[in-house]
């Protein structure tokens, strides 16, 4: 999955101009009920980010009184995170670590042309899709030894029981000898038979839930 397939396009985004007074941006952030927005120039080039937190922090350290600061200071004087962007053709996973520190990530094209944003909410939605959370089914957690052909064996078992896979995720991408797998299948599968087949094939079933 690429960033371009999950981003919010530029025409739907709220952005700030570098020459806007901070007050205007703060009011816009409050009205839209958002934490931050990209700063974009007249040529649609991404310049950085402006946020409520950035404005309050800059105001705290400013020598002016609050009214003077809000009315006279421009966005370009307090904006930050000029490198907080990702290319539209990058894979979606590369956005994950970014959201530890900031709520949005700019998406750019050539010469840093602003194309849109990816938000924390977008990441959460993708995780919901990966885990198949929007469809009812049976969730099975089990472990498998790290050896060639194990996933092929799993698909053979599922095919023999005519089980429709909603999602499958693996964990423990390390040097451990066992890997955890979370599988979600449609509710019409014969779960006891599936559990028996998995255990007979050497998989260790940890948990089964109807979700």
N, C-alpha and C. Protein backbone atom coordinates (compact mmCIF):
# COMPACT_ATOMS: atom_id res chain seq x y z
N UNK A 1 0.84 -1.19 0.00
CA UNK A 1 0.00 0.00 0.00
C UNK A 1 0.88 1.25 0.00
N UNK A 2 0.56 2.19 -0.88
CA UNK A 2 1.34 3.41 -0.98
C UNK A 2 0.64 4.57 -0.28
N UNK A 3 1.43 5.56 0.10
CA UNK A 3 0.90 6.73 0.80
C UNK A 3 -0.18 7.42 -0.02
N UNK A 4 0.02 7.50 -1.32
CA UNK A 4 -0.93 8.21 -2.18
C UNK A 4 -2.34 7.62 -2.14
N UNK A 5 -2.45 6.34 -1.77
CA UNK A 5 -3.76 5.69 -1.76
C UNK A 5 -4.51 5.93 -0.45
N UNK A 6 -3.85 6.47 0.56
CA UNK A 6 -4.49 6.69 1.86
C UNK A 6 -4.52 8.14 2.30
N UNK A 7 -3.81 9.01 1.59
CA UNK A 7 -3.70 10.40 2.04
C UNK A 7 -4.98 11.19 1.78
N UNK A 8 -5.14 12.26 2.54
CA UNK A 8 -6.21 13.23 2.31
C UNK A 8 -5.67 14.24 1.30
N UNK A 9 -6.30 14.39 0.13
CA UNK A 9 -5.75 15.27 -0.90
C UNK A 9 -5.73 16.74 -0.50
N UNK A 10 -4.86 17.49 -1.13
CA UNK A 10 -4.62 18.89 -0.75
C UNK A 10 -5.87 19.76 -0.76
N UNK A 11 -6.77 19.50 -1.72
CA UNK A 11 -7.97 20.35 -1.81
C UNK A 11 -8.93 20.15 -0.65
N UNK A 12 -8.71 19.09 0.13
CA UNK A 12 -9.53 18.85 1.31
C UNK A 12 -8.82 19.25 2.59
N UNK A 13 -7.62 19.74 2.47
CA UNK A 13 -6.80 20.06 3.65
C UNK A 13 -6.90 21.53 4.04
N UNK A 14 -6.79 21.77 5.32
CA UNK A 14 -6.64 23.13 5.83
C UNK A 14 -5.15 23.44 5.90
N UNK A 15 -4.75 24.55 5.29
CA UNK A 15 -3.34 24.91 5.28
C UNK A 15 -3.16 26.36 5.72
N UNK A 16 -1.94 26.68 6.12
CA UNK A 16 -1.60 28.04 6.54
C UNK A 16 -0.64 28.66 5.53
N UNK A 17 -0.69 29.97 5.41
CA UNK A 17 0.24 30.71 4.57
C UNK A 17 1.38 31.23 5.46
N UNK A 18 2.61 31.26 4.96
CA UNK A 18 3.72 31.72 5.79
C UNK A 18 3.59 33.16 6.26
N UNK A 19 2.85 33.98 5.53
CA UNK A 19 2.72 35.39 5.89
C UNK A 19 1.45 35.72 6.68
N UNK A 20 0.69 34.69 7.03
CA UNK A 20 -0.50 34.91 7.84
C UNK A 20 -0.14 35.27 9.28
N UNK A 21 -0.92 36.16 9.91
CA UNK A 21 -0.71 36.41 11.34
C UNK A 21 -1.05 35.14 12.12
N UNK A 22 -0.36 34.91 13.18
CA UNK A 22 -0.58 33.72 14.01
C UNK A 22 -2.02 33.64 14.50
N UNK A 23 -2.62 34.79 14.81
CA UNK A 23 -4.00 34.80 15.29
C UNK A 23 -4.94 34.12 14.31
N UNK A 24 -4.83 34.41 13.03
CA UNK A 24 -5.71 33.84 12.02
C UNK A 24 -5.60 32.31 11.99
N UNK A 25 -4.37 31.83 12.09
CA UNK A 25 -4.15 30.38 12.06
C UNK A 25 -4.70 29.72 13.31
N UNK A 26 -4.49 30.36 14.46
CA UNK A 26 -5.00 29.82 15.71
C UNK A 26 -6.51 29.72 15.68
N UNK A 27 -7.17 30.74 15.14
CA UNK A 27 -8.62 30.73 15.03
C UNK A 27 -9.10 29.63 14.06
N UNK A 28 -8.34 29.45 12.99
CA UNK A 28 -8.68 28.42 12.01
C UNK A 28 -8.53 27.03 12.62
N UNK A 29 -7.46 26.82 13.37
CA UNK A 29 -7.24 25.54 14.04
C UNK A 29 -8.37 25.24 15.02
N UNK A 30 -8.78 26.28 15.74
CA UNK A 30 -9.86 26.11 16.72
C UNK A 30 -11.19 25.83 16.02
N UNK A 31 -11.47 26.55 14.96
CA UNK A 31 -12.73 26.38 14.23
C UNK A 31 -12.82 24.99 13.60
N UNK A 32 -11.73 24.51 13.04
CA UNK A 32 -11.70 23.19 12.40
C UNK A 32 -11.54 22.06 13.40
N UNK A 33 -11.23 22.42 14.65
CA UNK A 33 -10.99 21.45 15.72
C UNK A 33 -9.88 20.47 15.32
N UNK A 34 -8.77 21.03 14.88
CA UNK A 34 -7.60 20.23 14.52
C UNK A 34 -6.39 20.75 15.29
N UNK A 35 -5.38 19.89 15.42
CA UNK A 35 -4.21 20.23 16.23
C UNK A 35 -3.12 20.95 15.45
N UNK A 36 -3.05 20.67 14.15
CA UNK A 36 -1.94 21.22 13.35
C UNK A 36 -2.33 21.28 11.88
N UNK A 37 -1.56 22.06 11.12
CA UNK A 37 -1.78 22.12 9.68
C UNK A 37 -0.46 22.43 8.96
N UNK A 38 -0.36 22.04 7.69
CA UNK A 38 0.85 22.34 6.92
C UNK A 38 0.92 23.83 6.58
N UNK A 39 2.13 24.30 6.39
CA UNK A 39 2.35 25.66 5.91
C UNK A 39 2.79 25.55 4.45
N UNK A 40 2.05 26.24 3.57
CA UNK A 40 2.27 26.10 2.13
C UNK A 40 2.36 27.49 1.50
N UNK A 41 3.32 27.70 0.60
CA UNK A 41 3.45 29.02 -0.03
C UNK A 41 2.53 29.14 -1.24
N UNK A 42 2.64 30.26 -1.94
CA UNK A 42 1.74 30.54 -3.07
C UNK A 42 1.97 29.59 -4.24
N UNK A 43 3.12 28.92 -4.27
CA UNK A 43 3.41 27.95 -5.33
C UNK A 43 3.09 26.52 -4.90
N UNK A 44 2.38 26.40 -3.79
CA UNK A 44 2.01 25.09 -3.25
C UNK A 44 3.20 24.26 -2.79
N UNK A 45 4.27 24.92 -2.41
CA UNK A 45 5.44 24.23 -1.88
C UNK A 45 5.29 24.08 -0.37
N UNK A 46 5.56 22.88 0.12
CA UNK A 46 5.48 22.62 1.56
C UNK A 46 6.67 23.26 2.27
N UNK A 47 6.37 24.04 3.33
CA UNK A 47 7.42 24.76 4.05
C UNK A 47 7.64 24.25 5.47
N UNK A 48 6.59 23.72 6.09
CA UNK A 48 6.70 23.27 7.47
C UNK A 48 5.33 23.05 8.07
N UNK A 49 5.29 23.02 9.41
CA UNK A 49 4.03 22.78 10.12
C UNK A 49 3.80 23.88 11.15
N UNK A 50 2.53 24.13 11.41
CA UNK A 50 2.14 25.04 12.49
C UNK A 50 1.08 24.33 13.33
N UNK A 51 1.20 24.45 14.64
CA UNK A 51 0.26 23.78 15.52
C UNK A 51 -0.11 24.68 16.69
N UNK A 52 -1.16 24.30 17.40
CA UNK A 52 -1.58 25.02 18.60
C UNK A 52 -0.44 25.03 19.60
N UNK A 53 0.17 23.88 19.78
CA UNK A 53 1.27 23.77 20.74
C UNK A 53 2.45 24.66 20.36
N UNK A 54 2.77 24.70 19.07
CA UNK A 54 3.87 25.55 18.59
C UNK A 54 3.60 27.02 18.89
N UNK A 55 2.37 27.43 18.62
CA UNK A 55 1.99 28.83 18.84
C UNK A 55 2.05 29.19 20.32
N UNK A 56 1.50 28.34 21.16
CA UNK A 56 1.51 28.61 22.61
C UNK A 56 2.94 28.65 23.15
N UNK A 57 3.77 27.74 22.66
CA UNK A 57 5.17 27.70 23.11
C UNK A 57 5.92 28.96 22.69
N UNK A 58 5.72 29.37 21.43
CA UNK A 58 6.37 30.58 20.93
C UNK A 58 5.88 31.81 21.69
N UNK A 59 4.60 31.86 21.98
CA UNK A 59 4.02 32.97 22.74
C UNK A 59 4.60 33.04 24.15
N UNK A 60 4.81 31.89 24.75
CA UNK A 60 5.35 31.83 26.11
C UNK A 60 6.76 32.43 26.16
N UNK A 61 7.54 32.18 25.13
CA UNK A 61 8.92 32.67 25.10
C UNK A 61 9.06 34.05 24.46
N UNK A 62 7.96 34.58 23.92
CA UNK A 62 8.02 35.89 23.25
C UNK A 62 8.13 37.03 24.25
N UNK A 63 8.70 38.13 23.79
CA UNK A 63 8.85 39.32 24.64
C UNK A 63 7.62 40.22 24.56
N UNK A 64 6.81 40.02 23.51
CA UNK A 64 5.60 40.83 23.37
C UNK A 64 4.49 40.31 24.28
N UNK A 65 3.50 41.16 24.51
CA UNK A 65 2.31 40.69 25.20
C UNK A 65 1.52 39.82 24.23
N UNK A 66 0.54 39.09 24.74
CA UNK A 66 -0.17 38.11 23.93
C UNK A 66 -0.85 38.70 22.71
N UNK A 67 -1.55 39.84 22.88
CA UNK A 67 -2.27 40.45 21.76
C UNK A 67 -1.32 40.88 20.66
N UNK A 68 -0.21 41.48 21.04
CA UNK A 68 0.79 41.92 20.05
C UNK A 68 1.37 40.71 19.32
N UNK A 69 1.67 39.68 20.08
CA UNK A 69 2.23 38.46 19.49
C UNK A 69 1.26 37.87 18.47
N UNK A 70 0.01 37.69 18.84
CA UNK A 70 -0.96 37.05 17.96
C UNK A 70 -1.23 37.86 16.69
N UNK A 71 -1.19 39.18 16.80
CA UNK A 71 -1.52 40.04 15.66
C UNK A 71 -0.33 40.36 14.77
N UNK A 72 0.87 40.39 15.31
CA UNK A 72 2.02 40.85 14.55
C UNK A 72 2.97 39.74 14.09
N UNK A 73 3.04 38.66 14.84
CA UNK A 73 3.95 37.57 14.47
C UNK A 73 3.35 36.76 13.31
N UNK A 74 4.18 36.47 12.32
CA UNK A 74 3.75 35.70 11.15
C UNK A 74 4.04 34.21 11.34
N UNK A 75 3.29 33.41 10.61
CA UNK A 75 3.45 31.97 10.69
C UNK A 75 4.89 31.54 10.41
N UNK A 76 5.52 32.14 9.42
CA UNK A 76 6.88 31.74 9.03
C UNK A 76 7.90 31.95 10.15
N UNK A 77 7.56 32.80 11.12
CA UNK A 77 8.48 33.06 12.23
C UNK A 77 8.43 31.98 13.30
N UNK A 78 7.35 31.21 13.34
CA UNK A 78 7.20 30.22 14.41
C UNK A 78 6.96 28.79 13.90
N UNK A 79 6.81 28.63 12.59
CA UNK A 79 6.54 27.28 12.07
C UNK A 79 7.74 26.38 12.33
N UNK A 80 7.48 25.08 12.38
CA UNK A 80 8.51 24.09 12.66
C UNK A 80 8.36 22.89 11.71
N UNK A 81 9.16 21.87 11.94
CA UNK A 81 9.05 20.59 11.23
C UNK A 81 9.06 20.73 9.70
N UNK A 82 10.04 21.46 9.21
CA UNK A 82 10.13 21.62 7.75
C UNK A 82 10.47 20.31 7.03
N UNK A 83 10.93 19.33 7.78
CA UNK A 83 11.26 18.03 7.17
C UNK A 83 10.22 16.94 7.47
N UNK A 84 9.07 17.37 7.98
CA UNK A 84 8.04 16.40 8.35
C UNK A 84 7.14 16.11 7.14
N UNK A 85 7.69 15.39 6.17
CA UNK A 85 6.94 15.05 4.97
C UNK A 85 7.39 13.70 4.45
N UNK A 86 6.57 13.15 3.57
CA UNK A 86 6.86 11.86 2.95
C UNK A 86 6.44 11.94 1.49
N UNK A 87 7.09 11.15 0.67
CA UNK A 87 6.77 11.16 -0.75
C UNK A 87 5.52 10.36 -1.04
N UNK A 88 4.76 10.75 -2.02
CA UNK A 88 3.50 10.08 -2.35
C UNK A 88 3.70 8.62 -2.75
N UNK A 89 4.89 8.27 -3.25
CA UNK A 89 5.15 6.91 -3.69
C UNK A 89 5.81 6.04 -2.63
N UNK A 90 6.00 6.58 -1.43
CA UNK A 90 6.55 5.78 -0.35
C UNK A 90 5.49 4.81 0.15
N UNK A 91 5.93 3.73 0.78
CA UNK A 91 4.98 2.76 1.31
C UNK A 91 4.39 3.27 2.62
N UNK A 92 3.17 2.86 2.90
CA UNK A 92 2.42 3.40 4.05
C UNK A 92 3.11 3.14 5.37
N UNK A 93 3.80 1.99 5.50
CA UNK A 93 4.44 1.65 6.78
C UNK A 93 5.44 2.69 7.24
N UNK A 94 6.00 3.44 6.29
CA UNK A 94 7.03 4.42 6.64
C UNK A 94 6.46 5.61 7.41
N UNK A 95 5.15 5.72 7.47
CA UNK A 95 4.54 6.83 8.22
C UNK A 95 4.42 6.51 9.70
N UNK A 96 4.49 5.24 10.08
CA UNK A 96 4.10 4.82 11.43
C UNK A 96 4.87 5.48 12.55
N UNK A 97 6.19 5.53 12.46
CA UNK A 97 6.98 6.07 13.57
C UNK A 97 6.81 7.58 13.72
N UNK A 98 6.35 8.25 12.67
CA UNK A 98 6.20 9.71 12.71
C UNK A 98 5.18 10.15 13.73
N UNK A 99 4.12 9.40 13.88
CA UNK A 99 2.99 9.84 14.71
C UNK A 99 3.23 9.71 16.21
N UNK A 100 4.43 9.31 16.59
CA UNK A 100 4.78 9.34 18.01
C UNK A 100 4.91 10.79 18.47
N UNK A 101 5.32 11.66 17.56
CA UNK A 101 5.64 13.03 17.93
C UNK A 101 4.72 14.09 17.32
N UNK A 102 4.00 13.77 16.27
CA UNK A 102 3.20 14.80 15.58
C UNK A 102 1.95 14.17 14.99
N UNK A 103 0.82 14.90 14.99
CA UNK A 103 -0.46 14.30 14.57
C UNK A 103 -0.68 14.16 13.07
N UNK A 104 0.09 14.90 12.26
CA UNK A 104 -0.09 14.82 10.81
C UNK A 104 1.26 14.76 10.11
N UNK A 105 1.23 14.30 8.89
CA UNK A 105 2.42 14.17 8.07
C UNK A 105 2.09 14.66 6.67
N UNK A 106 2.89 15.58 6.15
CA UNK A 106 2.64 16.11 4.81
C UNK A 106 3.07 15.10 3.75
N UNK A 107 2.34 15.09 2.65
CA UNK A 107 2.70 14.26 1.50
C UNK A 107 3.09 15.20 0.37
N UNK A 108 4.26 14.97 -0.22
CA UNK A 108 4.75 15.89 -1.25
C UNK A 108 5.12 15.15 -2.52
N UNK A 109 5.21 15.92 -3.59
CA UNK A 109 5.67 15.39 -4.87
C UNK A 109 7.03 15.99 -5.19
N UNK A 110 7.29 16.21 -6.47
CA UNK A 110 8.56 16.78 -6.88
C UNK A 110 8.70 18.21 -6.37
N UNK A 111 9.94 18.56 -5.99
CA UNK A 111 10.26 19.89 -5.47
C UNK A 111 9.38 20.28 -4.29
N UNK A 112 9.01 19.27 -3.49
CA UNK A 112 8.23 19.45 -2.27
C UNK A 112 6.86 20.09 -2.52
N UNK A 113 6.29 19.82 -3.67
CA UNK A 113 4.93 20.33 -3.94
C UNK A 113 3.97 19.62 -3.00
N UNK A 114 3.15 20.39 -2.30
CA UNK A 114 2.22 19.84 -1.32
C UNK A 114 1.07 19.14 -2.02
N UNK A 115 0.86 17.85 -1.65
CA UNK A 115 -0.18 17.04 -2.29
C UNK A 115 -1.28 16.63 -1.33
N UNK A 116 -0.99 16.64 -0.01
CA UNK A 116 -2.00 16.22 0.96
C UNK A 116 -1.37 15.88 2.29
N UNK A 117 -2.14 15.22 3.14
CA UNK A 117 -1.62 14.81 4.46
C UNK A 117 -2.07 13.40 4.79
N UNK A 118 -1.33 12.79 5.70
CA UNK A 118 -1.73 11.55 6.35
C UNK A 118 -1.84 11.86 7.83
N UNK A 119 -2.91 11.41 8.48
CA UNK A 119 -3.13 11.72 9.89
C UNK A 119 -3.07 10.45 10.75
N UNK A 120 -3.03 10.64 12.05
CA UNK A 120 -3.08 9.50 12.96
C UNK A 120 -4.35 8.68 12.74
N UNK A 121 -5.44 9.37 12.45
CA UNK A 121 -6.71 8.68 12.21
C UNK A 121 -6.59 7.75 11.00
N UNK A 122 -5.88 8.19 9.95
CA UNK A 122 -5.68 7.35 8.77
C UNK A 122 -4.93 6.07 9.14
N UNK A 123 -3.94 6.21 10.02
CA UNK A 123 -3.16 5.05 10.46
C UNK A 123 -4.05 4.07 11.22
N UNK A 124 -4.89 4.61 12.11
CA UNK A 124 -5.79 3.76 12.89
C UNK A 124 -6.75 3.01 11.96
N UNK A 125 -7.27 3.72 10.96
CA UNK A 125 -8.18 3.09 10.00
C UNK A 125 -7.51 1.94 9.25
N UNK A 126 -6.25 2.13 8.89
CA UNK A 126 -5.54 1.08 8.18
C UNK A 126 -5.30 -0.13 9.07
N UNK A 127 -5.02 0.11 10.36
CA UNK A 127 -4.86 -1.00 11.29
C UNK A 127 -6.18 -1.76 11.46
N UNK A 128 -7.30 -1.03 11.48
CA UNK A 128 -8.60 -1.68 11.57
C UNK A 128 -8.82 -2.58 10.36
N UNK A 129 -8.37 -2.12 9.20
CA UNK A 129 -8.51 -2.91 7.98
C UNK A 129 -7.61 -4.13 8.02
N UNK A 130 -6.36 -3.94 8.47
CA UNK A 130 -5.40 -5.05 8.54
C UNK A 130 -5.92 -6.17 9.45
N UNK A 131 -6.55 -5.79 10.58
CA UNK A 131 -7.06 -6.78 11.53
C UNK A 131 -8.48 -7.24 11.17
N UNK A 132 -9.04 -6.70 10.10
CA UNK A 132 -10.38 -7.12 9.69
C UNK A 132 -11.45 -6.75 10.70
N UNK A 133 -11.29 -5.61 11.36
CA UNK A 133 -12.19 -5.25 12.46
C UNK A 133 -13.58 -4.83 12.01
N UNK A 134 -13.74 -4.53 10.74
CA UNK A 134 -15.05 -4.06 10.26
C UNK A 134 -15.93 -5.20 9.76
N UNK A 135 -15.43 -6.44 9.87
CA UNK A 135 -16.23 -7.61 9.49
C UNK A 135 -16.28 -8.61 10.63
N UNK A 136 -17.44 -9.17 10.85
CA UNK A 136 -17.57 -10.19 11.89
C UNK A 136 -16.91 -11.48 11.43
N UNK A 137 -16.35 -12.21 12.39
CA UNK A 137 -15.71 -13.46 12.04
C UNK A 137 -15.14 -14.14 13.27
N UNK A 138 -14.35 -15.16 13.04
CA UNK A 138 -13.72 -15.91 14.12
C UNK A 138 -12.22 -15.60 14.12
N UNK A 139 -11.74 -15.14 15.26
CA UNK A 139 -10.33 -14.76 15.40
C UNK A 139 -9.59 -15.88 16.10
N UNK A 140 -8.52 -16.35 15.47
CA UNK A 140 -7.73 -17.44 16.02
C UNK A 140 -6.29 -16.97 16.16
N UNK A 141 -5.75 -17.07 17.37
CA UNK A 141 -4.35 -16.75 17.61
C UNK A 141 -3.59 -18.04 17.84
N UNK A 142 -2.47 -18.21 17.15
CA UNK A 142 -1.69 -19.42 17.32
C UNK A 142 -0.22 -19.14 17.00
N UNK A 143 0.64 -20.09 17.33
CA UNK A 143 2.06 -19.94 17.03
C UNK A 143 2.50 -20.99 16.04
N UNK A 144 3.57 -20.68 15.35
CA UNK A 144 4.14 -21.62 14.39
C UNK A 144 5.65 -21.54 14.46
N UNK A 145 6.30 -22.65 14.29
CA UNK A 145 7.76 -22.64 14.24
C UNK A 145 8.22 -21.93 12.98
N UNK A 146 9.39 -21.32 13.04
CA UNK A 146 9.95 -20.64 11.87
C UNK A 146 10.62 -21.66 10.96
N UNK A 147 9.90 -22.10 9.94
CA UNK A 147 10.48 -23.04 8.98
C UNK A 147 9.79 -22.86 7.64
N UNK A 148 10.48 -23.24 6.59
CA UNK A 148 9.95 -23.07 5.24
C UNK A 148 8.68 -23.91 5.05
N UNK A 149 7.71 -23.32 4.34
CA UNK A 149 6.51 -24.05 3.99
C UNK A 149 5.39 -24.02 5.02
N UNK A 150 5.60 -23.33 6.15
CA UNK A 150 4.56 -23.31 7.19
C UNK A 150 3.33 -22.54 6.74
N UNK A 151 3.52 -21.43 6.06
CA UNK A 151 2.37 -20.65 5.61
C UNK A 151 1.62 -21.40 4.51
N UNK A 152 2.35 -22.11 3.67
CA UNK A 152 1.70 -22.91 2.63
C UNK A 152 0.84 -24.00 3.27
N UNK A 153 1.34 -24.60 4.35
CA UNK A 153 0.57 -25.62 5.06
C UNK A 153 -0.70 -25.02 5.65
N UNK A 154 -0.60 -23.81 6.18
CA UNK A 154 -1.76 -23.13 6.75
C UNK A 154 -2.82 -22.90 5.68
N UNK A 155 -2.41 -22.43 4.52
CA UNK A 155 -3.39 -22.17 3.45
C UNK A 155 -4.02 -23.46 2.95
N UNK A 156 -3.28 -24.55 2.95
CA UNK A 156 -3.85 -25.85 2.56
C UNK A 156 -4.97 -26.26 3.51
N UNK A 157 -4.74 -26.06 4.81
CA UNK A 157 -5.75 -26.40 5.82
C UNK A 157 -7.00 -25.56 5.62
N UNK A 158 -6.81 -24.27 5.42
CA UNK A 158 -7.94 -23.35 5.25
C UNK A 158 -8.72 -23.68 3.97
N UNK A 159 -8.00 -24.01 2.92
CA UNK A 159 -8.65 -24.36 1.66
C UNK A 159 -9.46 -25.64 1.79
N UNK A 160 -8.93 -26.62 2.52
CA UNK A 160 -9.63 -27.89 2.68
C UNK A 160 -10.94 -27.73 3.44
N UNK A 161 -11.02 -26.70 4.30
CA UNK A 161 -12.23 -26.45 5.08
C UNK A 161 -13.09 -25.35 4.46
N UNK A 162 -12.70 -24.90 3.27
CA UNK A 162 -13.43 -23.84 2.56
C UNK A 162 -13.58 -22.59 3.45
N UNK A 163 -12.51 -22.27 4.18
CA UNK A 163 -12.52 -21.11 5.07
C UNK A 163 -12.12 -19.86 4.31
N UNK A 164 -12.94 -18.84 4.39
CA UNK A 164 -12.66 -17.57 3.73
C UNK A 164 -11.85 -16.68 4.68
N UNK A 165 -10.66 -16.29 4.28
CA UNK A 165 -9.79 -15.47 5.13
C UNK A 165 -10.21 -14.01 5.08
N UNK A 166 -10.46 -13.43 6.24
CA UNK A 166 -10.73 -12.00 6.35
C UNK A 166 -9.42 -11.24 6.52
N UNK A 167 -8.56 -11.75 7.40
CA UNK A 167 -7.25 -11.12 7.61
C UNK A 167 -6.30 -12.14 8.22
N UNK A 168 -5.02 -11.91 8.00
CA UNK A 168 -3.98 -12.73 8.64
C UNK A 168 -2.77 -11.83 8.90
N UNK A 169 -2.29 -11.87 10.13
CA UNK A 169 -1.17 -11.03 10.55
C UNK A 169 -0.17 -11.88 11.29
N UNK A 170 1.12 -11.61 11.07
CA UNK A 170 2.15 -12.32 11.82
C UNK A 170 2.94 -11.34 12.67
N UNK A 171 3.45 -11.84 13.80
CA UNK A 171 4.24 -11.04 14.72
C UNK A 171 5.58 -11.72 14.97
N UNK A 172 6.44 -11.04 15.73
CA UNK A 172 7.74 -11.58 16.13
C UNK A 172 8.67 -11.75 14.94
N UNK A 173 8.90 -10.64 14.24
CA UNK A 173 9.85 -10.66 13.12
C UNK A 173 11.27 -10.53 13.69
N UNK A 174 11.68 -11.56 14.39
CA UNK A 174 12.98 -11.55 15.05
C UNK A 174 13.67 -12.88 14.78
N UNK A 175 14.70 -13.18 15.59
CA UNK A 175 15.40 -14.45 15.42
C UNK A 175 14.81 -15.55 16.29
N UNK A 176 13.59 -15.31 16.83
CA UNK A 176 12.95 -16.33 17.65
C UNK A 176 12.56 -17.53 16.78
N UNK A 177 12.42 -18.68 17.41
CA UNK A 177 12.09 -19.90 16.68
C UNK A 177 10.60 -20.05 16.42
N UNK A 178 9.78 -19.25 17.12
CA UNK A 178 8.33 -19.33 16.94
C UNK A 178 7.77 -17.98 16.53
N UNK A 179 6.77 -18.03 15.68
CA UNK A 179 6.12 -16.79 15.23
C UNK A 179 4.65 -16.84 15.59
N UNK A 180 4.13 -15.74 16.12
CA UNK A 180 2.71 -15.66 16.44
C UNK A 180 1.92 -15.23 15.20
N UNK A 181 0.77 -15.83 15.03
CA UNK A 181 -0.09 -15.52 13.89
C UNK A 181 -1.51 -15.27 14.40
N UNK A 182 -2.12 -14.21 13.90
CA UNK A 182 -3.53 -13.94 14.21
C UNK A 182 -4.31 -14.04 12.91
N UNK A 183 -5.22 -14.99 12.87
CA UNK A 183 -6.01 -15.27 11.68
C UNK A 183 -7.48 -14.97 11.96
N UNK A 184 -8.15 -14.33 10.99
CA UNK A 184 -9.59 -14.11 11.12
C UNK A 184 -10.28 -14.69 9.89
N UNK A 185 -11.27 -15.54 10.14
CA UNK A 185 -11.99 -16.19 9.05
C UNK A 185 -13.49 -15.97 9.22
N UNK A 186 -14.25 -16.24 8.15
CA UNK A 186 -15.70 -16.10 8.22
C UNK A 186 -16.30 -17.02 9.28
N UNK A 187 -17.46 -16.65 9.79
CA UNK A 187 -18.09 -17.37 10.90
C UNK A 187 -18.65 -18.73 10.51
N UNK A 188 -18.80 -19.01 9.22
CA UNK A 188 -19.40 -20.28 8.83
C UNK A 188 -18.39 -21.44 8.82
N UNK A 189 -17.13 -21.18 9.17
CA UNK A 189 -16.14 -22.25 9.21
C UNK A 189 -16.38 -23.14 10.44
N UNK A 190 -16.10 -24.41 10.30
CA UNK A 190 -16.23 -25.35 11.42
C UNK A 190 -15.00 -25.19 12.31
N UNK A 191 -15.17 -24.41 13.36
CA UNK A 191 -14.04 -23.97 14.14
C UNK A 191 -13.31 -25.09 14.86
N UNK A 192 -14.04 -26.05 15.41
CA UNK A 192 -13.39 -27.15 16.11
C UNK A 192 -12.54 -27.99 15.17
N UNK A 193 -13.06 -28.18 13.96
CA UNK A 193 -12.31 -28.95 12.96
C UNK A 193 -11.06 -28.18 12.54
N UNK A 194 -11.20 -26.85 12.39
CA UNK A 194 -10.06 -26.02 12.03
C UNK A 194 -8.99 -26.05 13.12
N UNK A 195 -9.46 -25.93 14.36
CA UNK A 195 -8.53 -25.97 15.49
C UNK A 195 -7.78 -27.30 15.53
N UNK A 196 -8.52 -28.40 15.32
CA UNK A 196 -7.91 -29.73 15.34
C UNK A 196 -6.88 -29.88 14.22
N UNK A 197 -7.22 -29.40 13.01
CA UNK A 197 -6.31 -29.50 11.88
C UNK A 197 -5.03 -28.69 12.13
N UNK A 198 -5.19 -27.52 12.71
CA UNK A 198 -4.03 -26.68 13.00
C UNK A 198 -3.09 -27.36 13.98
N UNK A 199 -3.67 -27.88 15.06
CA UNK A 199 -2.85 -28.53 16.08
C UNK A 199 -2.19 -29.79 15.54
N UNK A 200 -2.89 -30.53 14.71
CA UNK A 200 -2.33 -31.74 14.12
C UNK A 200 -1.16 -31.41 13.20
N UNK A 201 -1.23 -30.23 12.58
CA UNK A 201 -0.16 -29.81 11.66
C UNK A 201 1.01 -29.16 12.40
N UNK A 202 0.92 -29.09 13.73
CA UNK A 202 2.04 -28.56 14.51
C UNK A 202 1.89 -27.12 14.94
N UNK A 203 0.74 -26.51 14.63
CA UNK A 203 0.49 -25.15 15.11
C UNK A 203 -0.05 -25.23 16.53
N UNK A 204 0.33 -24.29 17.38
CA UNK A 204 -0.16 -24.27 18.76
C UNK A 204 -1.22 -23.18 18.90
N UNK A 205 -2.48 -23.59 19.07
CA UNK A 205 -3.59 -22.63 19.17
C UNK A 205 -3.60 -22.00 20.56
N UNK A 206 -3.59 -20.66 20.59
CA UNK A 206 -3.55 -19.92 21.85
C UNK A 206 -4.91 -19.40 22.27
N UNK A 207 -5.72 -18.98 21.29
CA UNK A 207 -6.99 -18.35 21.63
C UNK A 207 -7.93 -18.39 20.43
N UNK A 208 -9.22 -18.58 20.71
CA UNK A 208 -10.25 -18.55 19.65
C UNK A 208 -11.39 -17.68 20.16
N UNK A 209 -11.76 -16.67 19.35
CA UNK A 209 -12.85 -15.77 19.74
C UNK A 209 -13.75 -15.47 18.55
N UNK A 210 -15.03 -15.33 18.84
CA UNK A 210 -16.00 -14.90 17.84
C UNK A 210 -16.12 -13.38 17.97
N UNK A 211 -15.64 -12.66 16.98
CA UNK A 211 -15.62 -11.18 17.07
C UNK A 211 -16.28 -10.53 15.87
